[in-house]
Structures are given as structure tokens and as C-alpha cells.
Amino acid sequence: MKSFFFNKNAKTVITIGEARGVAILAAVNCGIQVFEYTPLQVKQSVVGYGRAEKKQVQNMVKAILRLNEIPKPDDVADALAVALCHSNSNILNAKLGSLK
């Protein structure tokens, strides 16, 4: 279970939790695997440093995907970073699996 940090608004926590639960349940009911990564894992995978700044992640997404500019809005760059993390995770798992 992943955790979210919301400093001021408990109602936001409940709403996000409900939406997240429905999305995960819908995916599982459709036979879709759900993968979750912490911000530290995403940053480590994309930048090589788990405490990287947001701008560093955005610049690496731009470089890795050979984009002309940093994706906007920030959520798009974040989503692409998670996709890159997942891709890297699958590649690593495939390599480790072939060693057995």
C-alpha cells in the first residue's frame, strides 16, 4: 500500500484514497496487473539519484525520450518518468530471469 502526504486537507486524502481504490479495483477486475513505484524509485530509475529534484527528473525525461522540450504540464513529465521506471524495471526483471 502506497501512502500519500497531504498536509492540510483531510477531505483530499479521502477523495484521493477512494479514487485510487476504485481505479485499482477496476484494473484488477479486468485482469490488469497493477504496479506501484515510490517517488524515490522513480527518481532513482530515471536520474540515478533517489533524492533528485523535480527539474532534474524533467530534464532526464526530455533527454531519454529525445524530446525537444520538457513535457508540460508537470504531470505529463511525472507520468513519463513513471513509465520509464516501469520499463527499466521490466528490462531488469527480464535480465535477472534469464540468469536463472
N, C-alpha and C. Protein backbone atom coordinates (compact mmCIF):
# COMPACT_ATOMS: atom_id res chain seq x y z
N MET A 1 0.85 -1.18 0.00
CA MET A 1 0.00 0.00 0.00
C MET A 1 0.89 1.23 0.00
N LYS A 2 0.68 2.10 -0.91
CA LYS A 2 1.42 3.35 -1.00
C LYS A 2 0.74 4.39 -0.14
N SER A 3 1.50 5.34 0.32
CA SER A 3 0.91 6.39 1.14
C SER A 3 1.04 7.73 0.45
N PHE A 4 0.13 8.60 0.76
CA PHE A 4 0.13 9.95 0.22
C PHE A 4 0.26 10.92 1.38
N PHE A 5 0.89 12.02 1.15
CA PHE A 5 1.04 13.03 2.20
C PHE A 5 0.29 14.28 1.79
N PHE A 6 -0.72 14.61 2.54
CA PHE A 6 -1.48 15.83 2.33
C PHE A 6 -1.43 16.60 3.63
N ASN A 7 -0.81 17.73 3.61
CA ASN A 7 -0.54 18.47 4.82
C ASN A 7 -1.78 19.12 5.42
N LYS A 8 -2.69 19.62 4.61
CA LYS A 8 -3.73 20.48 5.14
C LYS A 8 -5.15 19.97 4.99
N ASN A 9 -5.43 19.16 4.02
CA ASN A 9 -6.82 18.88 3.70
C ASN A 9 -7.15 17.39 3.82
N ALA A 10 -7.74 17.02 4.93
CA ALA A 10 -8.11 15.61 5.14
C ALA A 10 -9.13 15.14 4.12
N LYS A 11 -10.01 16.02 3.68
CA LYS A 11 -11.01 15.65 2.68
C LYS A 11 -10.33 15.22 1.37
N THR A 12 -9.24 15.87 1.03
CA THR A 12 -8.50 15.49 -0.17
C THR A 12 -7.94 14.08 -0.03
N VAL A 13 -7.45 13.74 1.14
CA VAL A 13 -6.92 12.40 1.38
C VAL A 13 -7.99 11.35 1.13
N ILE A 14 -9.18 11.58 1.65
CA ILE A 14 -10.28 10.63 1.49
C ILE A 14 -10.66 10.51 0.02
N THR A 15 -10.79 11.62 -0.66
CA THR A 15 -11.17 11.61 -2.08
C THR A 15 -10.13 10.88 -2.92
N ILE A 16 -8.86 11.18 -2.71
CA ILE A 16 -7.79 10.51 -3.46
C ILE A 16 -7.78 9.02 -3.16
N GLY A 17 -7.93 8.66 -1.88
CA GLY A 17 -7.96 7.25 -1.49
C GLY A 17 -9.10 6.50 -2.15
N GLU A 18 -10.28 7.12 -2.20
CA GLU A 18 -11.43 6.48 -2.84
C GLU A 18 -11.19 6.30 -4.33
N ALA A 19 -10.71 7.33 -4.99
CA ALA A 19 -10.46 7.25 -6.43
C ALA A 19 -9.39 6.21 -6.74
N ARG A 20 -8.35 6.20 -5.94
CA ARG A 20 -7.27 5.23 -6.13
C ARG A 20 -7.79 3.81 -5.95
N GLY A 21 -8.59 3.60 -4.92
CA GLY A 21 -9.16 2.28 -4.67
C GLY A 21 -10.04 1.80 -5.80
N VAL A 22 -10.87 2.68 -6.33
CA VAL A 22 -11.75 2.32 -7.44
C VAL A 22 -10.92 1.99 -8.68
N ALA A 23 -9.90 2.79 -8.96
CA ALA A 23 -9.06 2.54 -10.14
C ALA A 23 -8.34 1.20 -10.03
N ILE A 24 -7.80 0.90 -8.85
CA ILE A 24 -7.10 -0.37 -8.66
C ILE A 24 -8.07 -1.54 -8.76
N LEU A 25 -9.22 -1.43 -8.14
CA LEU A 25 -10.23 -2.49 -8.20
C LEU A 25 -10.68 -2.73 -9.64
N ALA A 26 -10.92 -1.66 -10.38
CA ALA A 26 -11.35 -1.80 -11.78
C ALA A 26 -10.27 -2.50 -12.60
N ALA A 27 -9.02 -2.12 -12.39
CA ALA A 27 -7.93 -2.75 -13.14
C ALA A 27 -7.83 -4.24 -12.82
N VAL A 28 -7.85 -4.56 -11.55
CA VAL A 28 -7.75 -5.96 -11.12
C VAL A 28 -8.93 -6.77 -11.65
N ASN A 29 -10.13 -6.20 -11.59
CA ASN A 29 -11.31 -6.91 -12.10
C ASN A 29 -11.24 -7.16 -13.60
N CYS A 30 -10.45 -6.35 -14.30
CA CYS A 30 -10.26 -6.53 -15.75
C CYS A 30 -9.03 -7.38 -16.05
N GLY A 31 -8.41 -7.92 -15.03
CA GLY A 31 -7.24 -8.77 -15.23
C GLY A 31 -5.97 -8.00 -15.52
N ILE A 32 -5.94 -6.72 -15.20
CA ILE A 32 -4.78 -5.87 -15.45
C ILE A 32 -3.90 -5.86 -14.21
N GLN A 33 -2.62 -6.12 -14.39
CA GLN A 33 -1.69 -6.06 -13.28
C GLN A 33 -1.49 -4.60 -12.87
N VAL A 34 -1.35 -4.38 -11.59
CA VAL A 34 -1.12 -3.04 -11.05
C VAL A 34 0.29 -3.00 -10.50
N PHE A 35 1.05 -2.02 -10.92
CA PHE A 35 2.41 -1.82 -10.45
C PHE A 35 2.48 -0.45 -9.78
N GLU A 36 3.19 -0.39 -8.67
CA GLU A 36 3.32 0.87 -7.96
C GLU A 36 4.79 1.14 -7.67
N TYR A 37 5.18 2.39 -7.81
CA TYR A 37 6.55 2.80 -7.55
C TYR A 37 6.54 4.04 -6.67
N THR A 38 7.45 4.09 -5.73
CA THR A 38 7.57 5.27 -4.88
C THR A 38 8.28 6.37 -5.66
N PRO A 39 8.11 7.62 -5.25
CA PRO A 39 8.86 8.70 -5.90
C PRO A 39 10.36 8.45 -5.88
N LEU A 40 10.87 7.89 -4.79
CA LEU A 40 12.29 7.59 -4.70
C LEU A 40 12.71 6.57 -5.77
N GLN A 41 11.89 5.55 -5.99
CA GLN A 41 12.19 4.55 -7.01
C GLN A 41 12.19 5.16 -8.41
N VAL A 42 11.22 6.02 -8.68
CA VAL A 42 11.13 6.65 -10.00
C VAL A 42 12.35 7.52 -10.24
N LYS A 43 12.69 8.34 -9.26
CA LYS A 43 13.85 9.23 -9.40
C LYS A 43 15.14 8.43 -9.56
N GLN A 44 15.29 7.38 -8.78
CA GLN A 44 16.47 6.52 -8.88
C GLN A 44 16.59 5.91 -10.27
N SER A 45 15.46 5.46 -10.80
CA SER A 45 15.45 4.82 -12.11
C SER A 45 15.75 5.79 -13.24
N VAL A 46 15.19 6.98 -13.16
CA VAL A 46 15.30 7.94 -14.27
C VAL A 46 16.56 8.79 -14.17
N VAL A 47 16.88 9.24 -12.97
CA VAL A 47 18.00 10.16 -12.79
C VAL A 47 19.24 9.44 -12.25
N GLY A 48 19.02 8.35 -11.52
CA GLY A 48 20.14 7.66 -10.89
C GLY A 48 20.37 8.11 -9.47
N TYR A 49 19.49 8.98 -8.98
CA TYR A 49 19.60 9.51 -7.62
C TYR A 49 18.20 9.68 -7.06
N GLY A 50 17.90 8.96 -5.99
CA GLY A 50 16.55 8.93 -5.44
C GLY A 50 16.06 10.23 -4.83
N ARG A 51 16.96 11.15 -4.57
CA ARG A 51 16.56 12.44 -3.99
C ARG A 51 16.65 13.57 -5.01
N ALA A 52 16.59 13.23 -6.28
CA ALA A 52 16.70 14.22 -7.35
C ALA A 52 15.56 15.24 -7.26
N GLU A 53 15.84 16.44 -7.72
CA GLU A 53 14.83 17.49 -7.79
C GLU A 53 13.92 17.25 -8.98
N LYS A 54 12.73 17.81 -8.92
CA LYS A 54 11.74 17.66 -9.99
C LYS A 54 12.32 18.09 -11.35
N LYS A 55 13.05 19.19 -11.37
CA LYS A 55 13.63 19.71 -12.62
C LYS A 55 14.63 18.70 -13.21
N GLN A 56 15.39 18.03 -12.34
CA GLN A 56 16.33 17.02 -12.83
C GLN A 56 15.59 15.86 -13.49
N VAL A 57 14.50 15.43 -12.88
CA VAL A 57 13.70 14.35 -13.46
C VAL A 57 13.14 14.79 -14.80
N GLN A 58 12.61 16.00 -14.86
CA GLN A 58 12.04 16.51 -16.11
C GLN A 58 13.10 16.57 -17.21
N ASN A 59 14.29 17.04 -16.87
CA ASN A 59 15.36 17.12 -17.87
C ASN A 59 15.80 15.74 -18.35
N MET A 60 15.83 14.77 -17.45
CA MET A 60 16.20 13.41 -17.86
C MET A 60 15.12 12.77 -18.72
N VAL A 61 13.86 13.01 -18.41
CA VAL A 61 12.76 12.51 -19.25
C VAL A 61 12.93 13.08 -20.66
N LYS A 62 13.20 14.36 -20.73
CA LYS A 62 13.42 15.02 -22.03
C LYS A 62 14.59 14.38 -22.77
N ALA A 63 15.69 14.15 -22.07
CA ALA A 63 16.89 13.59 -22.70
C ALA A 63 16.68 12.14 -23.12
N ILE A 64 16.14 11.32 -22.22
CA ILE A 64 15.95 9.89 -22.51
C ILE A 64 15.02 9.69 -23.70
N LEU A 65 13.96 10.47 -23.73
CA LEU A 65 12.97 10.31 -24.81
C LEU A 65 13.29 11.17 -26.04
N ARG A 66 14.42 11.87 -25.99
CA ARG A 66 14.87 12.71 -27.10
C ARG A 66 13.79 13.71 -27.54
N LEU A 67 13.22 14.39 -26.55
CA LEU A 67 12.18 15.39 -26.81
C LEU A 67 12.83 16.76 -27.03
N ASN A 68 12.14 17.62 -27.75
CA ASN A 68 12.66 18.96 -27.98
C ASN A 68 12.52 19.86 -26.76
N GLU A 69 11.55 19.55 -25.93
CA GLU A 69 11.35 20.36 -24.72
C GLU A 69 10.80 19.48 -23.60
N ILE A 70 10.85 20.00 -22.40
CA ILE A 70 10.31 19.29 -21.24
C ILE A 70 8.80 19.19 -21.40
N PRO A 71 8.24 18.00 -21.22
CA PRO A 71 6.78 17.85 -21.35
C PRO A 71 6.03 18.72 -20.34
N LYS A 72 4.96 19.30 -20.79
CA LYS A 72 4.11 20.14 -19.95
C LYS A 72 2.69 19.61 -20.01
N PRO A 73 1.91 19.72 -18.98
CA PRO A 73 2.24 20.21 -17.65
C PRO A 73 3.14 19.23 -16.91
N ASP A 74 3.51 19.57 -15.68
CA ASP A 74 4.41 18.74 -14.89
C ASP A 74 3.91 17.32 -14.73
N ASP A 75 2.60 17.15 -14.66
CA ASP A 75 2.03 15.80 -14.50
C ASP A 75 2.40 14.89 -15.67
N VAL A 76 2.53 15.45 -16.85
CA VAL A 76 2.90 14.66 -18.03
C VAL A 76 4.33 14.14 -17.88
N ALA A 77 5.23 15.02 -17.46
CA ALA A 77 6.61 14.60 -17.23
C ALA A 77 6.68 13.54 -16.13
N ASP A 78 5.87 13.72 -15.08
CA ASP A 78 5.82 12.73 -14.00
C ASP A 78 5.34 11.38 -14.51
N ALA A 79 4.29 11.39 -15.31
CA ALA A 79 3.75 10.14 -15.85
C ALA A 79 4.77 9.44 -16.75
N LEU A 80 5.47 10.21 -17.56
CA LEU A 80 6.50 9.63 -18.42
C LEU A 80 7.65 9.06 -17.59
N ALA A 81 7.99 9.73 -16.50
CA ALA A 81 9.04 9.23 -15.61
C ALA A 81 8.62 7.89 -14.99
N VAL A 82 7.37 7.77 -14.59
CA VAL A 82 6.87 6.51 -14.03
C VAL A 82 6.91 5.43 -15.11
N ALA A 83 6.52 5.77 -16.33
CA ALA A 83 6.56 4.80 -17.43
C ALA A 83 8.00 4.34 -17.70
N LEU A 84 8.94 5.26 -17.66
CA LEU A 84 10.35 4.89 -17.85
C LEU A 84 10.83 3.99 -16.71
N CYS A 85 10.42 4.31 -15.51
CA CYS A 85 10.77 3.47 -14.35
C CYS A 85 10.22 2.07 -14.53
N HIS A 86 8.98 1.96 -14.95
CA HIS A 86 8.37 0.65 -15.15
C HIS A 86 9.09 -0.11 -16.26
N SER A 87 9.42 0.58 -17.33
CA SER A 87 10.14 -0.05 -18.43
C SER A 87 11.50 -0.56 -17.95
N ASN A 88 12.21 0.27 -17.20
CA ASN A 88 13.51 -0.15 -16.66
C ASN A 88 13.35 -1.34 -15.73
N SER A 89 12.30 -1.36 -14.94
CA SER A 89 12.05 -2.45 -14.01
C SER A 89 11.80 -3.75 -14.77
N ASN A 90 11.02 -3.67 -15.83
CA ASN A 90 10.73 -4.87 -16.62
C ASN A 90 11.97 -5.39 -17.34
N ILE A 91 12.80 -4.49 -17.83
CA ILE A 91 14.04 -4.90 -18.50
C ILE A 91 14.96 -5.59 -17.50
N LEU A 92 15.08 -5.01 -16.30
CA LEU A 92 15.92 -5.61 -15.27
C LEU A 92 15.38 -6.97 -14.86
N ASN A 93 14.07 -7.08 -14.67
CA ASN A 93 13.47 -8.36 -14.28
C ASN A 93 13.70 -9.42 -15.36
N ALA A 94 13.61 -9.02 -16.64
CA ALA A 94 13.83 -9.97 -17.73
C ALA A 94 15.28 -10.45 -17.73
N LYS A 95 16.22 -9.54 -17.49
CA LYS A 95 17.63 -9.92 -17.47
C LYS A 95 17.92 -10.84 -16.28
N LEU A 96 17.35 -10.51 -15.13
CA LEU A 96 17.56 -11.35 -13.95
C LEU A 96 16.92 -12.72 -14.15
N GLY A 97 15.76 -12.74 -14.79
CA GLY A 97 15.08 -14.02 -15.06
C GLY A 97 15.88 -14.91 -15.98
N SER A 98 16.60 -14.32 -16.92
CA SER A 98 17.38 -15.12 -17.86
C SER A 98 18.64 -15.70 -17.22
N LEU A 99 19.03 -15.18 -16.05
CA LEU A 99 20.20 -15.68 -15.36
C LEU A 99 19.92 -16.96 -14.58
N LYS A 100 18.65 -17.24 -14.37
CA LYS A 100 18.29 -18.44 -13.58
C LYS A 100 18.44 -19.72 -14.36
